[in-house]
Amino acid sequence: MTTEKHISRRAALAGAATLPFAAAVAGTASAQSAEQQGQQVPKVNRVMVGGFEVTALMAGTATREDPHSIFGLNASDEEFAAASEAALIPTDKAQFFFTPTLVNTGEALILFDTGLAPDAIIAAVEAAGYAPEDVTHVVITHMHGDHVGGLTAGDGPTFANAQHVTGQVEYDYWSETGGDAFENKIAPLSDAFEFIADGDELTSGVTARMAPGHTPGHMCFMLESDGQRLMLIADLANHYIWSLQHPDWEVSFDTDKAQAVESRREVLTMLAEEQIPFIGYHMPFPAIGYAVADGDGFTYVPHSYQLMLG
């Protein structure tokens, strides 16, 4: 005897409804079998500041252990832990970014700092759409190794067509005290450097501002075009929590810690009062943001789309 099975409309619909879910599960299993691609690391981020094209370049990133041995040397373990936990960041490790900046003024292509190594800065410049020979100026904000590491490739300059520029105070200090970064990267190009001082204009709309303390001749640079401004603060403040929210916290890499605090407060106060965006060399990439006065310190507000609006 044969038994016929009659499927109701409701049962048929219920069965059909399970098919997309089953397909999704199968698709998920298939996707999970694909090889993971690893952490995504963007290479460039471009904004316009008036008529200037400003491109932040990712030239490297590194994880450091025990960040309290670097930041907040004059803060207790409890103070450091409280500030970190409030920002949802760990106290045992920190991620550092190395962000040179490329500025196309329309008449000059200016590279501010060169990262850790020539290969990395060349790759970043090329990712931005330029070739090393396109760079007209290389500006060194200060002479720590993570800013001058890409200056030379082999026996010559990485950016062979560029005029090399740095502060006179910075050059004089390191030429007297020496150090590996100076001897290996600056000294071989000493004849190629031109020197600037506080308030000097590199090109129209690009002005140097002394902000000593991190090093004796550490410089920031103000960009101004068509009524818009942005400041490159280099290593004035190296962390968005431990340096901005706590500008008085001492940093191990600062040569003159008291002077660094003074410079940090002076420049960050100006940026906050005038609502000027900045690029910080070690800020989380793309390293562009604002300082907003908050109690005795400053809150870091990452750039979203403000500079896209003209």
C-alpha atoms as a PDB file:
ATOM      1  CA  MET A   1       0.000   0.000   0.000  1.00  0.00           C
ATOM      2  CA  THR A   2       1.301   3.465  -0.933  1.00  0.00           C
ATOM      3  CA  THR A   3       0.926   6.366   1.480  1.00  0.00           C
ATOM      4  CA  GLU A   4       0.802   9.890   0.023  1.00  0.00           C
ATOM      5  CA  LYS A   5       2.156  12.738   2.121  1.00  0.00           C
ATOM      6  CA  HIS A   6       0.264  15.968   1.730  1.00  0.00           C
ATOM      7  CA  ILE A   7       2.319  19.011   2.700  1.00  0.00           C
ATOM      8  CA  SER A   8       0.313  21.972   3.868  1.00  0.00           C
ATOM      9  CA  ARG A   9       1.034  25.467   2.560  1.00  0.00           C
ATOM     10  CA  ARG A  10       2.156  26.545   6.023  1.00  0.00           C
ATOM     11  CA  ALA A  11       4.644  23.662   6.273  1.00  0.00           C
ATOM     12  CA  ALA A  12       5.966  24.368   2.805  1.00  0.00           C
ATOM     13  CA  LEU A  13       6.554  28.024   3.670  1.00  0.00           C
ATOM     14  CA  ALA A  14       8.189  27.082   6.940  1.00  0.00           C
ATOM     15  CA  GLY A  15      10.545  24.741   5.162  1.00  0.00           C
ATOM     16  CA  ALA A  16      11.396  27.313   2.539  1.00  0.00           C
ATOM     17  CA  ALA A  17      12.105  29.870   5.212  1.00  0.00           C
ATOM     18  CA  THR A  18      14.884  27.718   6.572  1.00  0.00           C
ATOM     19  CA  LEU A  19      16.723  27.602   3.249  1.00  0.00           C
ATOM     20  CA  PRO A  20      18.280  31.115   3.389  1.00  0.00           C
ATOM     21  CA  PHE A  21      19.507  30.403   6.928  1.00  0.00           C
ATOM     22  CA  ALA A  22      21.026  27.113   5.836  1.00  0.00           C
ATOM     23  CA  ALA A  23      22.650  28.860   2.884  1.00  0.00           C
ATOM     24  CA  ALA A  24      23.988  31.549   5.183  1.00  0.00           C
ATOM     25  CA  VAL A  25      25.465  28.940   7.505  1.00  0.00           C
ATOM     26  CA  ALA A  26      27.096  27.192   4.570  1.00  0.00           C
ATOM     27  CA  GLY A  27      28.420  30.514   3.305  1.00  0.00           C
ATOM     28  CA  THR A  28      29.813  31.336   6.743  1.00  0.00           C
ATOM     29  CA  ALA A  29      31.597  28.014   6.960  1.00  0.00           C
ATOM     30  CA  SER A  30      33.077  28.604   3.516  1.00  0.00           C
ATOM     31  CA  ALA A  31      34.222  32.109   4.424  1.00  0.00           C
ATOM     32  CA  GLN A  32      35.837  30.857   7.623  1.00  0.00           C
ATOM     33  CA  SER A  33      37.939  28.444   5.622  1.00  0.00           C
ATOM     34  CA  ALA A  34      39.547  31.335   3.715  1.00  0.00           C
ATOM     35  CA  GLU A  35      42.934  32.485   4.934  1.00  0.00           C
ATOM     36  CA  GLN A  36      42.789  35.505   7.228  1.00  0.00           C
ATOM     37  CA  GLN A  37      44.533  38.542   5.843  1.00  0.00           C
ATOM     38  CA  GLY A  38      46.022  39.949   9.035  1.00  0.00           C
ATOM     39  CA  GLN A  39      45.712  43.389  10.554  1.00  0.00           C
ATOM     40  CA  GLN A  40      44.792  46.134   8.103  1.00  0.00           C
ATOM     41  CA  VAL A  41      47.296  48.976   8.073  1.00  0.00           C
ATOM     42  CA  PRO A  42      46.282  51.982   5.959  1.00  0.00           C
ATOM     43  CA  LYS A  43      49.153  53.810   4.313  1.00  0.00           C
ATOM     44  CA  VAL A  44      47.790  57.306   3.661  1.00  0.00           C
ATOM     45  CA  ASN A  45      45.054  59.725   4.697  1.00  0.00           C
ATOM     46  CA  ARG A  46      44.516  62.909   2.690  1.00  0.00           C
ATOM     47  CA  VAL A  47      42.712  66.122   3.592  1.00  0.00           C
ATOM     48  CA  MET A  48      42.602  69.610   2.117  1.00  0.00           C
ATOM     49  CA  VAL A  49      43.639  72.646   4.136  1.00  0.00           C
ATOM     50  CA  GLY A  50      42.509  75.494   1.926  1.00  0.00           C
ATOM     51  CA  GLY A  51      44.488  74.998  -1.268  1.00  0.00           C
ATOM     52  CA  PHE A  52      47.038  72.679   0.378  1.00  0.00           C
ATOM     53  CA  GLU A  53      46.778  68.935  -0.059  1.00  0.00           C
ATOM     54  CA  VAL A  54      47.920  67.371   3.235  1.00  0.00           C
ATOM     55  CA  THR A  55      48.630  63.635   3.364  1.00  0.00           C
ATOM     56  CA  ALA A  56      49.409  61.772   6.580  1.00  0.00           C
ATOM     57  CA  LEU A  57      51.705  58.830   5.814  1.00  0.00           C
ATOM     58  CA  MET A  58      51.815  55.617   7.813  1.00  0.00           C
ATOM     59  CA  ALA A  59      55.542  54.879   7.908  1.00  0.00           C
ATOM     60  CA  GLY A  60      55.445  52.303  10.688  1.00  0.00           C
ATOM     61  CA  THR A  61      53.870  51.158  13.927  1.00  0.00           C
ATOM     62  CA  ALA A  62      55.261  49.423  16.992  1.00  0.00           C
ATOM     63  CA  THR A  63      54.053  47.911  20.251  1.00  0.00           C
ATOM     64  CA  ARG A  64      55.871  48.978  23.411  1.00  0.00           C
ATOM     65  CA  GLU A  65      55.766  47.261  26.785  1.00  0.00           C
ATOM     66  CA  ASP A  66      55.308  49.094  30.086  1.00  0.00           C
ATOM     67  CA  PRO A  67      54.154  52.508  28.794  1.00  0.00           C
ATOM     68  CA  HIS A  68      54.297  53.964  32.306  1.00  0.00           C
ATOM     69  CA  SER A  69      58.073  53.806  32.011  1.00  0.00           C
ATOM     70  CA  ILE A  70      57.683  56.304  29.129  1.00  0.00           C
ATOM     71  CA  PHE A  71      54.694  58.478  30.061  1.00  0.00           C
ATOM     72  CA  GLY A  72      53.741  59.907  33.410  1.00  0.00           C
ATOM     73  CA  LEU A  73      57.104  59.508  35.098  1.00  0.00           C
ATOM     74  CA  ASN A  74      55.864  61.909  37.768  1.00  0.00           C
ATOM     75  CA  ALA A  75      52.481  60.143  38.114  1.00  0.00           C
ATOM     76  CA  SER A  76      51.804  57.322  40.543  1.00  0.00           C
ATOM     77  CA  ASP A  77      50.916  53.836  39.356  1.00  0.00           C
ATOM     78  CA  GLU A  78      47.387  54.448  40.598  1.00  0.00           C
ATOM     79  CA  GLU A  79      47.033  57.717  38.663  1.00  0.00           C
ATOM     80  CA  PHE A  80      48.385  56.139  35.495  1.00  0.00           C
ATOM     81  CA  ALA A  81      46.095  53.129  35.833  1.00  0.00           C
ATOM     82  CA  ALA A  82      43.026  55.298  36.476  1.00  0.00           C
ATOM     83  CA  ALA A  83      43.663  57.473  33.401  1.00  0.00           C
ATOM     84  CA  SER A  84      44.263  54.409  31.223  1.00  0.00           C
ATOM     85  CA  GLU A  85      41.246  52.471  32.453  1.00  0.00           C
ATOM     86  CA  ALA A  86      38.966  55.482  31.937  1.00  0.00           C
ATOM     87  CA  ALA A  87      40.100  55.544  28.289  1.00  0.00           C
ATOM     88  CA  LEU A  88      39.711  51.742  27.934  1.00  0.00           C
ATOM     89  CA  ILE A  89      43.393  51.248  27.121  1.00  0.00           C
ATOM     90  CA  PRO A  90      45.730  48.749  28.814  1.00  0.00           C
ATOM     91  CA  THR A  91      48.524  49.727  31.154  1.00  0.00           C
ATOM     92  CA  ASP A  92      50.982  47.003  30.167  1.00  0.00           C
ATOM     93  CA  LYS A  93      51.286  47.769  26.424  1.00  0.00           C
ATOM     94  CA  ALA A  94      50.831  50.672  24.030  1.00  0.00           C
ATOM     95  CA  GLN A  95      50.778  51.015  20.267  1.00  0.00           C
ATOM     96  CA  PHE A  96      52.880  53.725  18.666  1.00  0.00           C
ATOM     97  CA  PHE A  97      52.518  55.141  15.174  1.00  0.00           C
ATOM     98  CA  PHE A  98      55.056  56.948  12.995  1.00  0.00           C
ATOM     99  CA  THR A  99      53.378  59.503  10.774  1.00  0.00           C
ATOM    100  CA  PRO A 100      55.399  61.766   8.473  1.00  0.00           C
ATOM    101  CA  THR A 101      53.304  64.295   6.557  1.00  0.00           C
ATOM    102  CA  LEU A 102      53.416  65.220   2.880  1.00  0.00           C
ATOM    103  CA  VAL A 103      52.157  68.710   1.965  1.00  0.00           C
ATOM    104  CA  ASN A 104      51.496  69.696  -1.637  1.00  0.00           C
ATOM    105  CA  THR A 105      51.117  73.479  -1.738  1.00  0.00           C
ATOM    106  CA  GLY A 106      50.659  73.538  -5.500  1.00  0.00           C
ATOM    107  CA  GLU A 107      54.170  74.938  -5.880  1.00  0.00           C
ATOM    108  CA  ALA A 108      56.138  72.643  -3.568  1.00  0.00           C
ATOM    109  CA  LEU A 109      55.875  69.066  -2.319  1.00  0.00           C
ATOM    110  CA  ILE A 110      57.152  69.110   1.257  1.00  0.00           C
ATOM    111  CA  LEU A 111      57.847  65.998   3.350  1.00  0.00           C
ATOM    112  CA  PHE A 112      57.923  66.574   7.108  1.00  0.00           C
ATOM    113  CA  ASP A 113      60.105  63.889   8.744  1.00  0.00           C
ATOM    114  CA  THR A 114      61.074  60.555   7.223  1.00  0.00           C
ATOM    115  CA  GLY A 115      60.171  57.762   9.622  1.00  0.00           C
ATOM    116  CA  LEU A 116      62.365  54.879  10.682  1.00  0.00           C
ATOM    117  CA  ALA A 117      63.810  53.615   7.403  1.00  0.00           C
ATOM    118  CA  PRO A 118      64.065  54.529   3.705  1.00  0.00           C
ATOM    119  CA  ASP A 119      62.045  51.583   2.383  1.00  0.00           C
ATOM    120  CA  ALA A 120      59.054  52.432   4.565  1.00  0.00           C
ATOM    121  CA  ILE A 121      58.959  56.138   3.724  1.00  0.00           C
ATOM    122  CA  ILE A 122      59.421  55.464   0.007  1.00  0.00           C
ATOM    123  CA  ALA A 123      56.519  52.994   0.092  1.00  0.00           C
ATOM    124  CA  ALA A 124      54.330  55.519   1.923  1.00  0.00           C
ATOM    125  CA  VAL A 125      55.171  58.353  -0.491  1.00  0.00           C
ATOM    126  CA  GLU A 126      54.421  56.083  -3.437  1.00  0.00           C
ATOM    127  CA  ALA A 127      51.147  54.981  -1.829  1.00  0.00           C
ATOM    128  CA  ALA A 128      50.227  58.678  -1.764  1.00  0.00           C
ATOM    129  CA  GLY A 129      50.715  58.811  -5.534  1.00  0.00           C
ATOM    130  CA  TYR A 130      54.154  60.417  -5.692  1.00  0.00           C
ATOM    131  CA  ALA A 131      57.677  59.337  -6.501  1.00  0.00           C
ATOM    132  CA  PRO A 132      60.679  60.169  -4.273  1.00  0.00           C
ATOM    133  CA  GLU A 133      62.062  62.470  -6.958  1.00  0.00           C
ATOM    134  CA  ASP A 134      58.849  64.565  -6.797  1.00  0.00           C
ATOM    135  CA  VAL A 135      59.643  65.769  -3.272  1.00  0.00           C
ATOM    136  CA  THR A 136      61.007  69.329  -3.334  1.00  0.00           C
ATOM    137  CA  HIS A 137      61.675  69.803   0.403  1.00  0.00           C
ATOM    138  CA  VAL A 138      62.445  67.462   3.297  1.00  0.00           C
ATOM    139  CA  VAL A 139      61.902  69.128   6.666  1.00  0.00           C
ATOM    140  CA  ILE A 140      63.210  67.570   9.884  1.00  0.00           C
ATOM    141  CA  THR A 141      61.269  68.707  12.951  1.00  0.00           C
ATOM    142  CA  HIS A 142      63.913  67.263  15.281  1.00  0.00           C
ATOM    143  CA  MET A 143      66.694  64.701  15.072  1.00  0.00           C
ATOM    144  CA  HIS A 144      65.467  61.604  16.856  1.00  0.00           C
ATOM    145  CA  GLY A 145      66.021  58.357  14.971  1.00  0.00           C
ATOM    146  CA  ASP A 146      62.346  57.724  14.212  1.00  0.00           C
ATOM    147  CA  HIS A 147      62.194  61.040  12.340  1.00  0.00           C
ATOM    148  CA  VAL A 148      65.467  60.922  10.395  1.00  0.00           C
ATOM    149  CA  GLY A 149      65.713  57.170   9.692  1.00  0.00           C
ATOM    150  CA  GLY A 150      64.520  57.520   6.111  1.00  0.00           C
ATOM    151  CA  LEU A 151      66.787  60.427   5.157  1.00  0.00           C
ATOM    152  CA  THR A 152      69.418  58.304   3.420  1.00  0.00           C
ATOM    153  CA  ALA A 153      69.287  55.180   1.293  1.00  0.00           C
ATOM    154  CA  GLY A 154      72.627  53.525   0.681  1.00  0.00           C
ATOM    155  CA  ASP A 155      75.278  56.186   0.222  1.00  0.00           C
ATOM    156  CA  GLY A 156      72.998  59.046  -0.771  1.00  0.00           C
ATOM    157  CA  PRO A 157      69.838  60.943   0.106  1.00  0.00           C
ATOM    158  CA  THR A 158      66.528  59.141  -0.263  1.00  0.00           C
ATOM    159  CA  PHE A 159      65.006  62.261  -1.792  1.00  0.00           C
ATOM    160  CA  ALA A 160      67.755  63.340  -4.135  1.00  0.00           C
ATOM    161  CA  ASN A 161      65.961  66.343  -5.662  1.00  0.00           C
ATOM    162  CA  ALA A 162      64.846  67.826  -2.357  1.00  0.00           C
ATOM    163  CA  GLN A 163      66.142  70.786  -0.420  1.00  0.00           C
ATOM    164  CA  HIS A 164      66.785  69.583   3.158  1.00  0.00           C
ATOM    165  CA  VAL A 165      65.701  71.882   5.982  1.00  0.00           C
ATOM    166  CA  THR A 166      65.938  71.801   9.772  1.00  0.00           C
ATOM    167  CA  GLY A 167      66.203  74.173  12.713  1.00  0.00           C
ATOM    168  CA  GLN A 168      69.527  75.804  13.423  1.00  0.00           C
ATOM    169  CA  VAL A 169      69.193  75.239  17.179  1.00  0.00           C
ATOM    170  CA  GLU A 170      68.471  71.539  16.667  1.00  0.00           C
ATOM    171  CA  TYR A 171      71.373  71.042  14.300  1.00  0.00           C
ATOM    172  CA  ASP A 172      73.829  72.863  16.554  1.00  0.00           C
ATOM    173  CA  TYR A 173      72.793  70.796  19.581  1.00  0.00           C
ATOM    174  CA  TRP A 174      73.232  67.421  17.903  1.00  0.00           C
ATOM    175  CA  SER A 175      76.390  68.401  16.085  1.00  0.00           C
ATOM    176  CA  GLU A 176      77.918  69.053  19.506  1.00  0.00           C
ATOM    177  CA  THR A 177      76.467  66.086  21.400  1.00  0.00           C
ATOM    178  CA  GLY A 178      76.505  63.532  18.573  1.00  0.00           C
ATOM    179  CA  GLY A 179      74.510  60.316  18.618  1.00  0.00           C
ATOM    180  CA  ASP A 180      73.859  57.534  16.144  1.00  0.00           C
ATOM    181  CA  ALA A 181      70.947  59.231  14.386  1.00  0.00           C
ATOM    182  CA  PHE A 182      72.950  62.385  13.778  1.00  0.00           C
ATOM    183  CA  GLU A 183      76.154  60.640  12.742  1.00  0.00           C
ATOM    184  CA  ASN A 184      74.464  58.135  10.438  1.00  0.00           C
ATOM    185  CA  LYS A 185      71.696  60.210   8.885  1.00  0.00           C
ATOM    186  CA  ILE A 186      72.338  63.945   9.325  1.00  0.00           C
ATOM    187  CA  ALA A 187      76.102  64.316   9.142  1.00  0.00           C
ATOM    188  CA  PRO A 188      76.417  62.659   5.687  1.00  0.00           C
ATOM    189  CA  LEU A 189      73.980  65.284   4.341  1.00  0.00           C
ATOM    190  CA  SER A 190      75.263  68.254   6.332  1.00  0.00           C
ATOM    191  CA  ASP A 191      76.213  70.213   3.225  1.00  0.00           C
ATOM    192  CA  ALA A 192      72.703  69.782   1.834  1.00  0.00           C
ATOM    193  CA  PHE A 193      70.892  71.312   4.818  1.00  0.00           C
ATOM    194  CA  GLU A 194      69.514  74.810   5.073  1.00  0.00           C
ATOM    195  CA  PHE A 195      68.531  76.162   8.472  1.00  0.00           C
ATOM    196  CA  ILE A 196      65.493  77.982   9.774  1.00  0.00           C
ATOM    197  CA  ALA A 197      64.546  79.682  13.038  1.00  0.00           C
ATOM    198  CA  ASP A 198      61.367  80.400  14.982  1.00  0.00           C
ATOM    199  CA  GLY A 199      58.871  82.347  12.864  1.00  0.00           C
ATOM    200  CA  ASP A 200      60.617  81.700   9.557  1.00  0.00           C
ATOM    201  CA  GLU A 201      58.450  80.919   6.547  1.00  0.00           C
ATOM    202  CA  LEU A 202      59.582  77.840   4.665  1.00  0.00           C
ATOM    203  CA  THR A 203      57.323  78.629   1.714  1.00  0.00           C
ATOM    204  CA  SER A 204      54.230  80.783   1.511  1.00  0.00           C
ATOM    205  CA  GLY A 205      51.802  79.522   4.142  1.00  0.00           C
ATOM    206  CA  VAL A 206      54.243  77.209   5.959  1.00  0.00           C
ATOM    207  CA  THR A 207      55.701  78.757   9.124  1.00  0.00           C
ATOM    208  CA  ALA A 208      58.084  77.310  11.725  1.00  0.00           C
ATOM    209  CA  ARG A 209      57.337  77.574  15.434  1.00  0.00           C
ATOM    210  CA  MET A 210      59.822  76.591  18.109  1.00  0.00           C
ATOM    211  CA  ALA A 211      58.431  74.226  20.739  1.00  0.00           C
ATOM    212  CA  PRO A 212      61.520  73.088  22.666  1.00  0.00           C
ATOM    213  CA  GLY A 213      61.737  70.532  25.426  1.00  0.00           C
ATOM    214  CA  HIS A 214      61.340  67.243  23.625  1.00  0.00           C
ATOM    215  CA  THR A 215      64.650  68.265  22.086  1.00  0.00           C
ATOM    216  CA  PRO A 216      66.336  71.675  22.381  1.00  0.00           C
ATOM    217  CA  GLY A 217      65.367  72.704  18.845  1.00  0.00           C
ATOM    218  CA  HIS A 218      62.106  70.814  18.387  1.00  0.00           C
ATOM    219  CA  MET A 219      59.814  72.596  15.901  1.00  0.00           C
ATOM    220  CA  CYS A 220      56.155  72.603  14.969  1.00  0.00           C
ATOM    221  CA  PHE A 221      54.883  73.951  11.652  1.00  0.00           C
ATOM    222  CA  MET A 222      51.715  75.914  10.961  1.00  0.00           C
ATOM    223  CA  LEU A 223      50.062  75.423   7.583  1.00  0.00           C
ATOM    224  CA  GLU A 224      47.733  78.184   6.403  1.00  0.00           C
ATOM    225  CA  SER A 225      45.906  78.448   3.084  1.00  0.00           C
ATOM    226  CA  ASP A 226      42.727  80.248   2.057  1.00  0.00           C
ATOM    227  CA  GLY A 227      41.812  81.006   5.649  1.00  0.00           C
ATOM    228  CA  GLN A 228      42.238  77.438   6.911  1.00  0.00           C
ATOM    229  CA  ARG A 229      44.967  76.258   9.271  1.00  0.00           C
ATOM    230  CA  LEU A 230      46.467  73.006  10.488  1.00  0.00           C
ATOM    231  CA  MET A 231      49.516  72.532  12.697  1.00  0.00           C
ATOM    232  CA  LEU A 232      52.062  69.742  12.474  1.00  0.00           C
ATOM    233  CA  ILE A 233      53.031  69.293  16.131  1.00  0.00           C
ATOM    234  CA  ALA A 234      55.627  66.530  15.625  1.00  0.00           C
ATOM    235  CA  ASP A 235      56.478  65.153  19.116  1.00  0.00           C
ATOM    236  CA  LEU A 236      55.059  67.993  21.181  1.00  0.00           C
ATOM    237  CA  ALA A 237      52.474  65.527  22.552  1.00  0.00           C
ATOM    238  CA  ASN A 238      53.010  61.845  21.883  1.00  0.00           C
ATOM    239  CA  HIS A 239      49.874  60.213  23.251  1.00  0.00           C
ATOM    240  CA  TYR A 240      46.220  61.193  22.996  1.00  0.00           C
ATOM    241  CA  ILE A 241      45.536  60.338  26.650  1.00  0.00           C
ATOM    242  CA  TRP A 242      48.792  60.435  28.579  1.00  0.00           C
ATOM    243  CA  SER A 243      50.031  63.638  26.894  1.00  0.00           C
ATOM    244  CA  LEU A 244      46.832  65.576  26.094  1.00  0.00           C
ATOM    245  CA  GLN A 245      44.675  64.825  29.109  1.00  0.00           C
ATOM    246  CA  HIS A 246      47.758  65.092  31.323  1.00  0.00           C
ATOM    247  CA  PRO A 247      50.090  67.650  29.715  1.00  0.00           C
ATOM    248  CA  ASP A 248      52.122  67.953  32.923  1.00  0.00           C
ATOM    249  CA  TRP A 249      53.050  64.281  32.929  1.00  0.00           C
ATOM    250  CA  GLU A 250      56.720  63.863  32.174  1.00  0.00           C
ATOM    251  CA  VAL A 251      57.884  61.812  29.199  1.00  0.00           C
ATOM    252  CA  SER A 252      61.103  59.814  29.249  1.00  0.00           C
ATOM    253  CA  PHE A 253      62.117  60.901  25.738  1.00  0.00           C
ATOM    254  CA  ASP A 254      61.873  64.632  26.533  1.00  0.00           C
ATOM    255  CA  THR A 255      65.343  66.160  26.912  1.00  0.00           C
ATOM    256  CA  ASP A 256      64.151  69.005  29.156  1.00  0.00           C
ATOM    257  CA  LYS A 257      60.997  67.755  30.831  1.00  0.00           C
ATOM    258  CA  ALA A 258      59.947  71.038  32.411  1.00  0.00           C
ATOM    259  CA  GLN A 259      60.422  72.913  29.154  1.00  0.00           C
ATOM    260  CA  ALA A 260      58.494  70.210  27.283  1.00  0.00           C
ATOM    261  CA  VAL A 261      55.539  70.657  29.653  1.00  0.00           C
ATOM    262  CA  GLU A 262      55.649  74.428  29.104  1.00  0.00           C
ATOM    263  CA  SER A 263      55.698  74.030  25.310  1.00  0.00           C
ATOM    264  CA  ARG A 264      52.958  71.415  25.423  1.00  0.00           C
ATOM    265  CA  ARG A 265      50.631  73.622  27.447  1.00  0.00           C
ATOM    266  CA  GLU A 266      51.350  76.726  25.366  1.00  0.00           C
ATOM    267  CA  VAL A 267      50.736  75.118  21.974  1.00  0.00           C
ATOM    268  CA  LEU A 268      47.779  72.941  23.014  1.00  0.00           C
ATOM    269  CA  THR A 269      46.096  75.947  24.637  1.00  0.00           C
ATOM    270  CA  MET A 270      46.469  77.902  21.394  1.00  0.00           C
ATOM    271  CA  LEU A 271      45.122  75.006  19.322  1.00  0.00           C
ATOM    272  CA  ALA A 272      42.139  74.577  21.643  1.00  0.00           C
ATOM    273  CA  GLU A 273      41.276  78.273  21.840  1.00  0.00           C
ATOM    274  CA  GLU A 274      41.488  78.758  18.071  1.00  0.00           C
ATOM    275  CA  GLN A 275      40.052  75.319  17.190  1.00  0.00           C
ATOM    276  CA  ILE A 276      42.953  74.502  14.893  1.00  0.00           C
ATOM    277  CA  PRO A 277      43.316  70.847  13.877  1.00  0.00           C
ATOM    278  CA  PHE A 278      46.715  69.210  14.213  1.00  0.00           C
ATOM    279  CA  ILE A 279      48.658  66.170  13.106  1.00  0.00           C
ATOM    280  CA  GLY A 280      50.628  64.483  15.875  1.00  0.00           C
ATOM    281  CA  TYR A 281      53.451  62.238  14.720  1.00  0.00           C
ATOM    282  CA  HIS A 282      52.636  59.466  17.202  1.00  0.00           C
ATOM    283  CA  MET A 283      48.871  59.877  17.460  1.00  0.00           C
ATOM    284  CA  PRO A 284      46.667  56.942  16.389  1.00  0.00           C
ATOM    285  CA  PHE A 285      46.689  56.928  12.600  1.00  0.00           C
ATOM    286  CA  PRO A 286      45.585  58.956  10.669  1.00  0.00           C
ATOM    287  CA  ALA A 287      46.832  61.187  13.485  1.00  0.00           C
ATOM    288  CA  ILE A 288      44.619  64.204  12.713  1.00  0.00           C
ATOM    289  CA  GLY A 289      42.509  65.708  15.471  1.00  0.00           C
ATOM    290  CA  TYR A 290      41.628  68.596  17.735  1.00  0.00           C
ATOM    291  CA  ALA A 291      42.531  69.541  21.301  1.00  0.00           C
ATOM    292  CA  VAL A 292      39.542  70.605  23.405  1.00  0.00           C
ATOM    293  CA  ALA A 293      40.166  72.203  26.801  1.00  0.00           C
ATOM    294  CA  ASP A 294      38.932  69.894  29.549  1.00  0.00           C
ATOM    295  CA  GLY A 295      39.659  70.754  33.164  1.00  0.00           C
ATOM    296  CA  ASP A 296      43.406  70.891  33.683  1.00  0.00           C
ATOM    297  CA  GLY A 297      44.127  69.131  30.405  1.00  0.00           C
ATOM    298  CA  PHE A 298      42.747  68.531  26.936  1.00  0.00           C
ATOM    299  CA  THR A 299      40.485  65.987  25.297  1.00  0.00           C
ATOM    300  CA  TYR A 300      41.600  64.610  21.944  1.00  0.00           C
ATOM    301  CA  VAL A 301      38.826  64.711  19.335  1.00  0.00           C
ATOM    302  CA  PRO A 302      39.783  62.776  16.194  1.00  0.00           C
ATOM    303  CA  HIS A 303      39.115  64.488  12.874  1.00  0.00           C
ATOM    304  CA  SER A 304      36.044  63.084  11.179  1.00  0.00           C
ATOM    305  CA  TYR A 305      34.946  65.152   8.179  1.00  0.00           C
ATOM    306  CA  GLN A 306      35.497  68.799   9.155  1.00  0.00           C
ATOM    307  CA  LEU A 307      38.244  69.391   6.594  1.00  0.00           C
ATOM    308  CA  MET A 308      36.165  67.748   3.870  1.00  0.00           C
ATOM    309  CA  LEU A 309      33.625  70.574   4.041  1.00  0.00           C
ATOM    310  CA  GLY A 310      35.916  73.327   2.776  1.00  0.00           C
END
